[in-house]
Protein backbone atom coordinates (compact mmCIF):
# COMPACT_ATOMS: atom_id res chain seq x y z
CA UNK A 1 -14.74 16.68 -11.96
CA UNK A 2 -11.46 15.27 -10.62
CA UNK A 3 -9.74 18.69 -10.57
CA UNK A 4 -12.68 20.15 -8.67
CA UNK A 5 -12.58 17.35 -6.07
CA UNK A 6 -8.82 17.56 -5.66
CA UNK A 7 -9.04 21.32 -5.05
CA UNK A 8 -11.80 20.72 -2.49
CA UNK A 9 -9.73 18.05 -0.71
CA UNK A 10 -6.79 20.47 -0.42
CA UNK A 11 -9.12 23.13 0.98
CA UNK A 12 -10.54 20.67 3.50
CA UNK A 13 -7.06 19.56 4.56
CA UNK A 14 -5.40 22.92 4.84
CA UNK A 15 -8.01 25.69 4.74
CA UNK A 16 -7.51 26.47 1.06
CA UNK A 17 -3.70 26.39 1.08
CA UNK A 18 -2.24 25.05 -2.16
CA UNK A 19 1.21 24.41 -0.64
CA UNK A 20 1.60 20.68 -1.38
CA UNK A 21 4.06 20.07 1.49
CA UNK A 22 1.56 21.52 4.01
CA UNK A 23 -1.26 19.51 2.44
CA UNK A 24 0.87 16.39 2.92
CA UNK A 25 1.39 17.20 6.60
CA UNK A 26 -2.35 17.75 7.06
CA UNK A 27 -3.12 14.45 5.36
CA UNK A 28 -0.65 12.59 7.61
CA UNK A 29 -2.31 14.20 10.62
CA UNK A 30 -5.76 13.14 9.37
CA UNK A 31 -4.54 9.52 9.21
CA UNK A 32 -4.21 9.55 13.01
CA UNK A 33 -7.87 10.47 13.55
CA UNK A 34 -9.88 9.28 10.55
CA UNK A 35 -8.05 6.65 8.51
CA UNK A 36 -10.85 5.79 6.04
CA UNK A 37 -11.32 9.46 5.12
CA UNK A 38 -7.57 10.02 4.86
CA UNK A 39 -7.23 6.97 2.59
CA UNK A 40 -10.03 8.30 0.38
CA UNK A 41 -8.46 11.77 0.19
CA UNK A 42 -5.08 10.21 -0.62
CA UNK A 43 -6.67 8.20 -3.45
CA UNK A 44 -8.22 11.31 -4.97
CA UNK A 45 -5.03 13.39 -4.70
CA UNK A 46 -2.80 10.73 -6.24
CA UNK A 47 -5.11 9.95 -9.17
CA UNK A 48 -3.78 11.61 -12.31
CA UNK A 49 -6.32 10.77 -15.05
CA UNK A 50 -10.02 11.64 -15.29
CA UNK A 51 -11.66 9.27 -17.78
CA UNK A 52 -14.63 10.99 -19.44
CA UNK A 53 -17.41 8.47 -20.12
CA UNK A 54 -20.76 8.67 -21.82
CA UNK A 55 -23.75 6.57 -20.93
CA UNK A 56 -23.36 4.75 -24.25
CA UNK A 57 -19.94 3.53 -23.03
CA UNK A 58 -21.52 1.65 -20.14
CA UNK A 59 -21.92 -2.13 -20.59
CA UNK A 60 -25.05 -4.15 -19.90
CA UNK A 61 -25.45 -6.17 -16.70
CA UNK A 62 -24.85 -9.37 -18.66
CA UNK A 63 -21.54 -8.03 -20.01
CA UNK A 64 -20.54 -6.94 -16.51
CA UNK A 65 -21.01 -10.47 -15.20
CA UNK A 66 -19.11 -11.91 -18.19
CA UNK A 67 -16.11 -9.65 -17.70
CA UNK A 68 -15.85 -9.18 -13.94
CA UNK A 69 -13.42 -12.10 -13.57
CA UNK A 70 -11.00 -10.37 -15.94
CA UNK A 71 -10.51 -7.62 -13.37
CA UNK A 72 -8.60 -10.12 -11.22
CA UNK A 73 -5.74 -10.83 -13.64
CA UNK A 74 -6.10 -7.66 -15.71
CA UNK A 75 -6.65 -5.19 -12.86
CA UNK A 76 -7.33 -1.49 -12.83
CA UNK A 77 -4.76 0.80 -11.21
CA UNK A 78 -4.86 1.06 -7.43
CA UNK A 79 -6.72 4.37 -7.86
CA UNK A 80 -8.87 5.20 -10.92
CA UNK A 81 -11.32 8.01 -11.62
CA UNK A 82 -14.09 8.59 -14.19
CA UNK A 83 -16.60 11.37 -14.89
CA UNK A 84 -19.94 11.18 -16.69
CA UNK A 85 -23.32 12.87 -16.90
CA UNK A 86 -26.06 10.59 -15.59
CA UNK A 87 -29.57 11.13 -14.27
CA UNK A 88 -29.41 14.92 -14.83
CA UNK A 89 -26.23 15.45 -12.81
CA UNK A 90 -22.47 15.30 -13.36
CA UNK A 91 -20.99 12.30 -11.56
CA UNK A 92 -17.50 11.48 -10.38
CA UNK A 93 -16.55 7.86 -9.62
CA UNK A 94 -13.38 6.96 -7.69
CA UNK A 95 -12.29 3.30 -7.67
CA UNK A 96 -9.73 1.87 -5.26
CA UNK A 97 -8.27 -1.63 -5.68
CA UNK A 98 -7.33 -3.92 -2.78
CA UNK A 99 -5.99 -7.47 -2.55
CA UNK A 100 -7.87 -10.22 -0.78
CA UNK A 101 -6.07 -12.75 1.38
CA UNK A 102 -6.32 -16.09 -0.37
CA UNK A 103 -6.39 -14.54 -3.86
CA UNK A 104 -8.49 -12.09 -5.78
CA UNK A 105 -9.26 -8.38 -5.64
CA UNK A 106 -11.97 -6.16 -4.26
CA UNK A 107 -12.80 -2.79 -5.86
CA UNK A 108 -14.18 -0.04 -3.61
CA UNK A 109 -16.25 2.42 -5.62
CA UNK A 110 -17.26 5.90 -4.41
CA UNK A 111 -19.89 7.87 -6.35
CA UNK A 112 -20.03 11.67 -6.05
CA UNK A 113 -22.22 14.32 -7.70
CA UNK A 114 -21.44 17.87 -8.85
CA UNK A 115 -24.30 19.15 -6.67
CA UNK A 116 -23.04 17.53 -3.44
CA UNK A 117 -19.32 16.91 -4.17
CA UNK A 118 -17.86 15.48 -0.94
CA UNK A 119 -20.81 16.32 1.30
CA UNK A 120 -22.70 13.13 0.44
CA UNK A 121 -21.41 10.08 -1.44
CA UNK A 122 -22.47 6.53 -2.28
CA UNK A 123 -20.08 3.64 -1.66
CA UNK A 124 -20.01 0.04 -2.84
CA UNK A 125 -17.65 -2.88 -3.20
CA UNK A 126 -17.35 -5.47 -5.98
CA UNK A 127 -15.28 -8.63 -5.77
CA UNK A 128 -13.18 -10.06 -8.62
CA UNK A 129 -11.94 -13.35 -7.18
CA UNK A 130 -12.50 -16.71 -8.80
CA UNK A 131 -11.35 -18.58 -5.69
CA UNK A 132 -13.77 -16.69 -3.39
CA UNK A 133 -16.35 -14.89 -5.54
CA UNK A 134 -18.90 -14.12 -2.82
CA UNK A 135 -20.07 -11.74 -1.50
CA UNK A 136 -19.88 -10.20 -4.95
CA UNK A 137 -21.53 -6.83 -4.28
CA UNK A 138 -21.93 -4.80 -1.11
CA UNK A 139 -23.39 -1.34 -0.61
CA UNK A 140 -22.67 0.92 2.33
CA UNK A 141 -25.59 2.35 4.34
CA UNK A 142 -25.66 4.66 7.34
CA UNK A 143 -25.75 1.63 9.65
CA UNK A 144 -23.66 -1.06 7.94
CA UNK A 145 -22.54 -2.77 4.74
CA UNK A 146 -25.32 -4.77 3.06
CA UNK A 147 -24.79 -7.74 0.70
CA UNK A 148 -26.71 -7.33 -2.57
CA UNK A 149 -27.41 -10.54 -4.54
CA UNK A 150 -26.47 -10.42 -8.20
CA UNK A 151 -30.06 -10.62 -9.39
CA UNK A 152 -30.94 -7.51 -7.36
CA UNK A 153 -28.10 -5.21 -8.43
CA UNK A 154 -30.13 -3.68 -11.27
CA UNK A 155 -32.86 -2.74 -8.80
CA UNK A 156 -30.48 -0.23 -7.12
CA UNK A 157 -29.68 2.33 -9.87
CA UNK A 158 -26.57 3.84 -8.22
CA UNK A 159 -25.10 0.40 -7.46
CA UNK A 160 -25.76 -0.71 -11.04
CA UNK A 161 -24.09 2.47 -12.34
CA UNK A 162 -20.98 1.89 -10.24
CA UNK A 163 -20.62 -1.68 -11.53
CA UNK A 164 -21.07 -0.55 -15.16
CA UNK A 165 -18.45 2.19 -14.75
CA UNK A 166 -16.03 -0.31 -13.19
CA UNK A 167 -16.32 -2.65 -16.21
CA UNK A 168 -16.31 0.25 -18.68
CA UNK A 169 -12.97 1.45 -17.30
CA UNK A 170 -11.60 -2.06 -17.65
CA UNK A 171 -12.78 -2.15 -21.28
CA UNK A 172 -11.00 1.15 -21.85
CA UNK A 173 -7.74 0.06 -20.20
CA UNK A 174 -7.64 -3.30 -21.96
CA UNK A 175 -8.98 -2.37 -25.38
CA UNK A 176 -9.26 -5.15 -27.96
CA UNK A 177 -8.80 -4.08 -31.57
CA UNK A 178 -10.50 -6.04 -34.40
CA UNK A 179 -7.90 -7.20 -36.91
CA UNK A 180 -9.84 -5.76 -39.84
CA UNK A 181 -9.76 -2.28 -38.26
CA UNK A 182 -5.97 -2.05 -38.21
CA UNK A 183 -4.59 0.37 -40.79
CA UNK A 184 -1.06 -0.55 -41.91
CA UNK A 185 -0.58 2.31 -44.37
CA UNK A 186 2.67 4.28 -44.36
CA UNK A 187 3.26 4.93 -40.67
CA UNK A 188 6.74 6.43 -40.97
CA UNK A 189 8.54 6.13 -37.65
CA UNK A 190 5.40 4.56 -36.18
CA UNK A 191 5.59 1.54 -38.43
CA UNK A 192 4.56 -1.71 -36.74
CA UNK A 193 7.25 -4.18 -35.68
CA UNK A 194 8.11 -7.08 -37.91
CA UNK A 195 5.83 -10.09 -37.88
CA UNK A 196 6.87 -12.69 -35.35
CA UNK A 197 5.69 -16.11 -36.44
CA UNK A 198 7.08 -17.71 -33.27
CA UNK A 199 4.94 -15.49 -31.02
CA UNK A 200 1.85 -16.13 -33.15
CA UNK A 201 2.42 -19.91 -33.05
CA UNK A 202 2.96 -19.94 -29.27
CA UNK A 203 -0.19 -17.89 -28.67
CA UNK A 204 -2.17 -20.28 -30.88
CA UNK A 205 -0.90 -23.29 -28.89
CA UNK A 206 -1.78 -21.59 -25.60
CA UNK A 207 -5.32 -20.81 -26.79
CA UNK A 208 -5.67 -24.47 -27.86
CA UNK A 209 -4.69 -25.59 -24.37
CA UNK A 210 -1.43 -27.15 -25.61
CA UNK A 211 1.05 -24.72 -24.00
CA UNK A 212 1.54 -23.63 -20.40
CA UNK A 213 1.63 -19.92 -19.51
CA UNK A 214 3.39 -18.53 -16.44
CA UNK A 215 2.80 -15.20 -14.70
CA UNK A 216 6.13 -13.92 -13.40
CA UNK A 217 8.19 -11.01 -12.17
CA UNK A 218 11.32 -10.78 -14.35
CA UNK A 219 14.53 -8.72 -14.27
CA UNK A 220 14.10 -6.16 -17.03
CA UNK A 221 17.69 -6.70 -18.12
CA UNK A 222 16.78 -10.29 -19.03
CA UNK A 223 14.28 -9.06 -21.63
CA UNK A 224 15.21 -7.94 -25.15
CA UNK A 225 12.98 -6.66 -27.98
CA UNK A 226 12.68 -8.88 -31.03
CA UNK A 227 12.64 -5.90 -33.42
CA UNK A 228 15.38 -3.52 -32.28
CA UNK A 229 14.88 -1.23 -35.28
CA UNK A 230 11.29 -0.64 -34.18
CA UNK A 231 12.38 -0.06 -30.57
CA UNK A 232 15.03 2.48 -31.62
CA UNK A 233 12.59 4.29 -33.93
CA UNK A 234 9.72 4.39 -31.42
CA UNK A 235 8.86 8.11 -30.84
CA UNK A 236 10.06 9.34 -27.47
CA UNK A 237 7.03 11.57 -27.08
CA UNK A 238 4.80 8.50 -27.48
CA UNK A 239 6.73 6.76 -24.69
CA UNK A 240 6.33 9.82 -22.49
CA UNK A 241 2.61 10.04 -23.26
CA UNK A 242 1.85 6.33 -22.71
CA UNK A 243 4.03 5.38 -19.80
CA UNK A 244 1.62 6.59 -17.11
CA UNK A 245 -0.79 3.91 -18.31
CA UNK A 246 1.81 1.23 -17.50
CA UNK A 247 2.57 2.49 -13.97
CA UNK A 248 0.42 2.17 -10.89
CA UNK A 249 1.85 4.50 -8.25
CA UNK A 250 5.45 3.33 -8.13
CA UNK A 251 4.78 -0.17 -9.48
CA UNK A 252 5.02 -1.55 -13.00
CA UNK A 253 1.54 -2.91 -13.76
CA UNK A 254 1.38 -3.86 -17.49
CA UNK A 255 2.31 -7.50 -18.03
CA UNK A 256 4.53 -8.02 -21.06
CA UNK A 257 4.14 -11.16 -23.15
CA UNK A 258 7.45 -13.05 -23.45
CA UNK A 259 8.94 -16.29 -24.72
CA UNK A 260 12.42 -17.73 -24.49
CA UNK A 261 14.77 -18.00 -27.47
CA UNK A 262 18.49 -18.68 -27.37
CA UNK A 263 18.67 -18.21 -23.64
CA UNK A 264 16.99 -14.75 -23.77
CA UNK A 265 13.46 -13.66 -22.95
CA UNK A 266 12.01 -12.08 -26.10
CA UNK A 267 9.41 -9.27 -26.09
CA UNK A 268 7.58 -8.45 -29.30
CA UNK A 269 4.10 -7.24 -28.37
CA UNK A 270 4.50 -4.56 -25.69
CA UNK A 271 6.97 -1.96 -26.95
CA UNK A 272 5.36 0.99 -25.17
CA UNK A 273 5.41 -0.87 -21.83
CA UNK A 274 8.97 -2.11 -22.33
CA UNK A 275 10.30 1.32 -23.29
CA UNK A 276 8.35 2.97 -20.48
CA UNK A 277 9.95 0.66 -17.94
CA UNK A 278 13.38 1.32 -19.47
CA UNK A 279 12.93 5.07 -19.32
CA UNK A 280 11.80 4.98 -15.66
CA UNK A 281 14.65 2.76 -14.53
CA UNK A 282 12.62 -0.25 -13.42
CA UNK A 283 14.67 -3.31 -12.47
CA UNK A 284 11.89 -5.91 -12.18
CA UNK A 285 8.60 -5.96 -14.05
CA UNK A 286 5.51 -8.19 -14.48
CA UNK A 287 5.20 -10.51 -17.45
CA UNK A 288 3.60 -13.67 -18.79
CA UNK A 289 5.96 -16.22 -20.37
CA UNK A 290 4.68 -18.56 -23.10
CA UNK A 291 6.02 -22.10 -22.86
CA UNK A 292 9.04 -23.48 -21.07
CA UNK A 293 11.81 -21.18 -19.90
CA UNK A 294 14.91 -21.14 -17.73
CA UNK A 295 16.01 -17.70 -16.65
CA UNK A 296 17.75 -16.71 -13.39
CA UNK A 297 16.06 -14.23 -11.10
CA UNK A 298 12.49 -14.94 -12.30
CA UNK A 299 9.82 -15.11 -9.59
CA UNK A 300 6.88 -17.35 -10.52
CA UNK A 301 3.47 -16.04 -9.47
CA UNK A 302 1.06 -18.44 -11.18
CA UNK A 303 0.93 -21.18 -13.78
CA UNK A 304 -2.04 -21.69 -16.09
CA UNK A 305 -3.27 -21.49 -19.64
CA UNK A 306 -4.58 -18.90 -22.12
CA UNK A 307 -6.53 -17.08 -19.36
CA UNK A 308 -3.19 -15.62 -18.17
CA UNK A 309 -2.31 -14.06 -21.53
CA UNK A 310 -2.61 -10.25 -21.39
CA UNK A 311 -4.51 -8.49 -24.18
CA UNK A 312 -2.63 -8.62 -27.48
CA UNK A 313 -2.53 -5.84 -30.04
CA UNK A 314 -2.58 -7.60 -33.43
CA UNK A 315 -0.48 -5.91 -36.11
CA UNK A 316 0.52 -6.74 -39.70
CA UNK A 317 4.27 -7.28 -39.93
CA UNK A 318 6.92 -8.64 -42.29
CA UNK A 319 8.35 -12.09 -41.67
CA UNK A 320 12.03 -11.24 -41.01
CA UNK A 321 13.43 -12.07 -37.56
CA UNK A 322 16.73 -10.55 -36.50
CA UNK A 323 19.00 -11.35 -33.55
CA UNK A 324 19.72 -8.57 -31.04
CA UNK A 325 23.21 -7.06 -31.08
CA UNK A 326 24.73 -5.78 -27.84
CA UNK A 327 25.63 -2.37 -29.30
CA UNK A 328 21.97 -1.85 -30.24
CA UNK A 329 20.93 -2.52 -26.64
CA UNK A 330 23.43 0.13 -25.54
CA UNK A 331 21.94 2.55 -28.06
CA UNK A 332 18.48 1.86 -26.70
CA UNK A 333 19.65 2.42 -23.10
CA UNK A 334 21.14 5.79 -24.05
CA UNK A 335 17.99 6.80 -25.94
CA UNK A 336 15.78 6.08 -22.90
CA UNK A 337 17.94 8.28 -20.67
CA UNK A 338 16.45 11.34 -22.34
CA UNK A 339 13.08 10.41 -20.85
CA UNK A 340 14.26 9.86 -17.30
CA UNK A 341 12.04 11.89 -14.94
CA UNK A 342 13.60 14.31 -12.45
CA UNK A 343 14.56 12.70 -9.19
CA UNK A 344 11.90 13.17 -6.48
CA UNK A 345 12.82 15.01 -3.29
CA UNK A 346 13.47 13.18 -0.02
CA UNK A 347 10.18 14.54 1.35
CA UNK A 348 8.28 13.18 -1.66
CA UNK A 349 9.92 9.75 -1.35
CA UNK A 350 9.33 9.44 2.39
CA UNK A 351 5.77 10.75 2.13
CA UNK A 352 5.01 8.07 -0.43
CA UNK A 353 6.39 5.42 1.92
CA UNK A 354 4.29 6.86 4.76
CA UNK A 355 1.03 6.66 2.82
CA UNK A 356 1.82 3.23 1.38
CA UNK A 357 2.44 1.90 4.90
CA UNK A 358 -0.83 3.47 6.08
CA UNK A 359 -2.61 1.73 3.22
CA UNK A 360 -0.97 -1.60 4.10
CA UNK A 361 -2.02 -1.29 7.74
CA UNK A 362 -5.61 -0.58 6.71
CA UNK A 363 -5.71 -3.45 4.23
CA UNK A 364 -8.06 -6.20 5.28
CA UNK A 365 -6.72 -9.66 6.01
CA UNK A 366 -3.12 -8.69 5.43
CA UNK A 367 -0.44 -11.24 6.28
CA UNK A 368 2.29 -10.75 8.87
CA UNK A 369 4.72 -11.47 6.03
CA UNK A 370 3.44 -8.35 4.21
CA UNK A 371 4.43 -6.16 7.17
CA UNK A 372 7.78 -7.93 7.38
CA UNK A 373 8.54 -7.39 3.69
CA UNK A 374 7.55 -3.69 3.79
CA UNK A 375 9.72 -2.88 6.82
CA UNK A 376 12.61 -4.78 5.27
CA UNK A 377 12.33 -2.60 2.15
CA UNK A 378 11.80 0.60 4.13
CA UNK A 379 13.77 0.38 7.41
CA UNK A 380 13.60 4.19 7.81
CA UNK A 381 10.19 3.56 9.41
CA UNK A 382 12.16 2.10 12.29
CA UNK A 383 15.32 4.18 12.15
CA UNK A 384 16.57 6.52 9.41
CA UNK A 385 20.21 6.03 10.40
CA UNK A 386 20.47 2.33 9.71
CA UNK A 387 23.27 1.15 7.43
CA UNK A 388 22.17 -2.43 6.60
CA UNK A 389 19.08 -4.61 7.05
CA UNK A 390 19.13 -8.37 7.52
CA UNK A 391 16.09 -10.62 7.54
CA UNK A 392 15.47 -13.98 9.26
CA UNK A 393 18.80 -13.93 11.11
CA UNK A 394 19.60 -17.03 13.15
CA UNK A 395 20.52 -16.24 16.73
CA UNK A 396 20.72 -19.29 18.96
CA UNK A 397 17.82 -21.70 18.36
CA UNK A 398 15.55 -19.01 16.87
CA UNK A 399 15.55 -16.45 14.07
CA UNK A 400 15.18 -12.69 14.46
CA UNK A 401 12.68 -11.21 12.01
CA UNK A 402 14.90 -8.24 11.27
CA UNK A 403 18.34 -7.09 12.41
CA UNK A 404 19.38 -3.48 11.72
CA UNK A 405 23.08 -2.75 11.57
CA UNK A 406 24.42 0.74 12.01
CA UNK A 407 27.73 2.16 10.87
CA UNK A 408 30.64 -0.14 11.59
CA UNK A 409 32.21 2.48 13.85
CA UNK A 410 29.06 2.45 16.03
CA UNK A 411 29.25 -1.34 16.60
CA UNK A 412 25.49 -1.38 17.26
CA UNK A 413 22.64 -3.62 16.15
CA UNK A 414 18.88 -3.58 16.73
CA UNK A 415 17.08 -6.93 16.98
CA UNK A 416 13.43 -6.77 15.93
CA UNK A 417 10.55 -9.17 16.52
CA UNK A 418 7.40 -8.41 14.48
CA UNK A 419 3.95 -9.42 15.68
CA UNK A 420 0.56 -8.78 14.11
CA UNK A 421 -0.82 -5.28 13.96
CA UNK A 422 -4.17 -6.45 15.38
CA UNK A 423 -2.67 -8.20 18.42
CA UNK A 424 -3.30 -6.84 21.92
CA UNK A 425 -0.45 -5.52 24.05
CA UNK A 426 -2.16 -5.51 27.44
CA UNK A 427 -4.53 -7.79 29.30
CA UNK A 428 -6.44 -7.06 32.48
CA UNK A 429 -4.92 -4.68 35.03
CA UNK A 430 -2.60 -3.35 32.32
CA UNK A 431 -0.34 -6.38 32.37
CA UNK A 432 1.53 -7.30 29.18
CA UNK A 433 -0.01 -10.21 27.29
CA UNK A 434 2.05 -13.38 27.26
CA UNK A 435 2.97 -12.98 23.59
CA UNK A 436 4.65 -9.61 24.26
CA UNK A 437 6.44 -10.87 27.35
CA UNK A 438 7.66 -13.94 25.47
CA UNK A 439 8.90 -11.85 22.50
CA UNK A 440 10.74 -9.46 24.83
CA UNK A 441 12.38 -12.32 26.72
CA UNK A 442 13.39 -13.99 23.47
CA UNK A 443 15.17 -10.85 22.29
CA UNK A 444 16.92 -10.55 25.65
CA UNK A 445 18.13 -14.12 25.18
CA UNK A 446 19.46 -13.17 21.71
CA UNK A 447 21.32 -10.23 23.23
CA UNK A 448 23.02 -12.59 25.67
CA UNK A 449 23.99 -14.89 22.74
CA UNK A 450 25.53 -11.92 20.92
CA UNK A 451 27.50 -10.83 23.99
CA UNK A 452 28.88 -14.34 24.26
CA UNK A 453 29.70 -14.56 20.52
CA UNK A 454 27.66 -17.77 20.24
CA UNK A 455 28.50 -20.10 17.37
CA UNK A 456 24.90 -20.21 16.13
CA UNK A 457 25.10 -16.75 14.56
CA UNK A 458 26.29 -15.39 11.21
CA UNK A 459 29.92 -14.26 11.20
CA UNK A 460 29.04 -10.62 10.59
CA UNK A 461 27.13 -10.53 13.92
CA UNK A 462 30.07 -11.74 15.94
CA UNK A 463 32.15 -9.08 17.60
CA UNK A 464 31.89 -6.35 20.17
CA UNK A 465 28.37 -5.26 19.35
CA UNK A 466 26.03 -3.24 21.52
CA UNK A 467 22.69 -4.93 21.01
CA UNK A 468 19.22 -3.54 21.66
CA UNK A 469 15.76 -4.95 20.92
CA UNK A 470 12.38 -3.89 19.59
CA UNK A 471 9.00 -5.62 19.64
CA UNK A 472 6.53 -4.15 17.13
CA UNK A 473 2.92 -5.07 17.79
CA UNK A 474 -0.62 -3.68 17.68
CA UNK A 475 -2.03 -0.22 17.01
CA UNK A 476 -2.04 2.87 19.21
CA UNK A 477 -5.78 3.34 18.89
CA UNK A 478 -6.21 0.08 20.77
CA UNK A 479 -4.57 1.60 23.88
CA UNK A 480 -6.14 3.75 26.56
CA UNK A 481 -4.27 6.81 27.85
CA UNK A 482 -3.36 4.85 30.97
CA UNK A 483 -1.95 1.98 28.89
CA UNK A 484 0.06 4.41 26.78
CA UNK A 485 1.60 5.82 29.96
CA UNK A 486 2.29 2.32 31.25
CA UNK A 487 4.02 1.42 27.98
CA UNK A 488 6.12 4.62 28.18
CA UNK A 489 7.28 3.67 31.66
CA UNK A 490 8.10 0.11 30.58
CA UNK A 491 10.19 1.35 27.66
CA UNK A 492 12.11 3.85 29.78
CA UNK A 493 13.62 1.02 31.86
CA UNK A 494 14.26 -1.71 29.28
CA UNK A 495 16.81 -2.57 26.61
CA UNK A 496 14.00 -4.20 24.64
CA UNK A 497 11.37 -1.58 23.72
CA UNK A 498 7.74 -2.24 22.79
CA UNK A 499 6.17 -0.04 20.10
CA UNK A 500 3.07 -0.07 17.94
CA UNK A 501 2.92 0.19 14.16
CA UNK A 502 1.49 3.70 14.64
CA UNK A 503 4.64 4.59 16.56
CA UNK A 504 6.65 3.69 13.46
CA UNK A 505 4.44 6.00 11.38
CA UNK A 506 5.00 8.79 13.88
CA UNK A 507 8.77 8.31 13.69
CA UNK A 508 8.67 8.67 9.92
CA UNK A 509 6.33 11.65 10.19
CA UNK A 510 8.78 13.47 12.46
CA UNK A 511 11.54 12.84 9.95
CA UNK A 512 9.42 14.21 7.10
CA UNK A 513 8.50 17.31 9.12
CA UNK A 514 12.14 17.89 9.90
CA UNK A 515 13.05 17.69 6.22
CA UNK A 516 10.16 19.96 5.27
CA UNK A 517 11.40 22.59 7.72
CA UNK A 518 14.91 22.46 6.28
CA UNK A 519 13.61 22.46 2.67
CA UNK A 520 15.29 19.16 1.76
């Protein structure tokens, strides 16, 4: 079902052309006119696995309600797909995950049929958020989204099916294996790692409420496997086969279970995830740490108890514990190099950034800090020729959100003030709103400070710099043609330009098109 839908999406985008670069251009163009449809197409095209379900795999309504909260801390990938035969027709279900401001996730589910494919679909949303659990279920109609109370979900068969598929996919991704079903016969190179009594004891304490657990982002270099022999013997083909299940787009998504020993963070339950991250060159990965720890570079996301522990695969092991030698870590690094994927092209990398930024702009209740962080990581949205990016730079009595430095020989900097993407630019009679005027004037004041080499600046900003400014605010679809022309005239006469977030997307799109034409 997924392959059929992906082929149809490509045909819709580019009149049957299978050239992926041209399909990408068509999808970027669609984003300008129909963002929800473009986002849906992008989700289908970037989904790699089609999970084949049977109706017997679908949980009951009671089980759905029992497990829905788990989808918050044990989430599905950002895009997931499943196929099944139900009610005398083949069905395809696409699920997209989105974060809620204030905590929690919402899953958007689209149901398609073999008979209608993309001509007619059903859409619903389900919320997995303990801090804000309602509205739990919504269904889309021709006129609007309608809230469906929990006790009425079963009365709408398609809505009930979408919820059951959502939970069934979670059960598949986070499978729990009964201890008595584990076969520890001669496994050759697939032998289980050695038994780790420390890990077992710490888990037991956490489940008894006697030990704190912490969700974190850790430097991968700070993590070492407890059983290096098992890590070195782990089949490379197994790593290659399993690593897609640990990656969501470009992000590491499987949380490893760790504890601290001798100043090191020890991993002994997630070898496939650990080796997958190693082989793909990840620097920072998600994890849950049992008990107290002190490790540099660890970002704490949440503190709690046993509810934070990711699913554990229970295995029978011997009782020997061995310290990790440095030369063994080097051997492991070399072994993982054989699995390194080919480097993506510049067009592929920039296209991914384009679509991720589109998704961020469409995300509901995003924070201004999210936009700030994304542009700091990907300054090519503003200018592809920048040499360095600085954030929260003090200039005078205020701080510039971003400062872009160009090559030293250019002696040029760009001062950037970021406002919200849903803010207005104009008021009545096409006059700039006060917020825009104030931001522009503030940047002009910063430029004066730079020209005077004011003391209240970092040393690297002092010197003979040519300074320019940029205010980023609002969306282009909020502007009339007359307002767009007014903005063009304003920018043609000012050192401080005013652009929308869509203008940044268009800048990146022009760069991608240029690279596509040159075959880079």
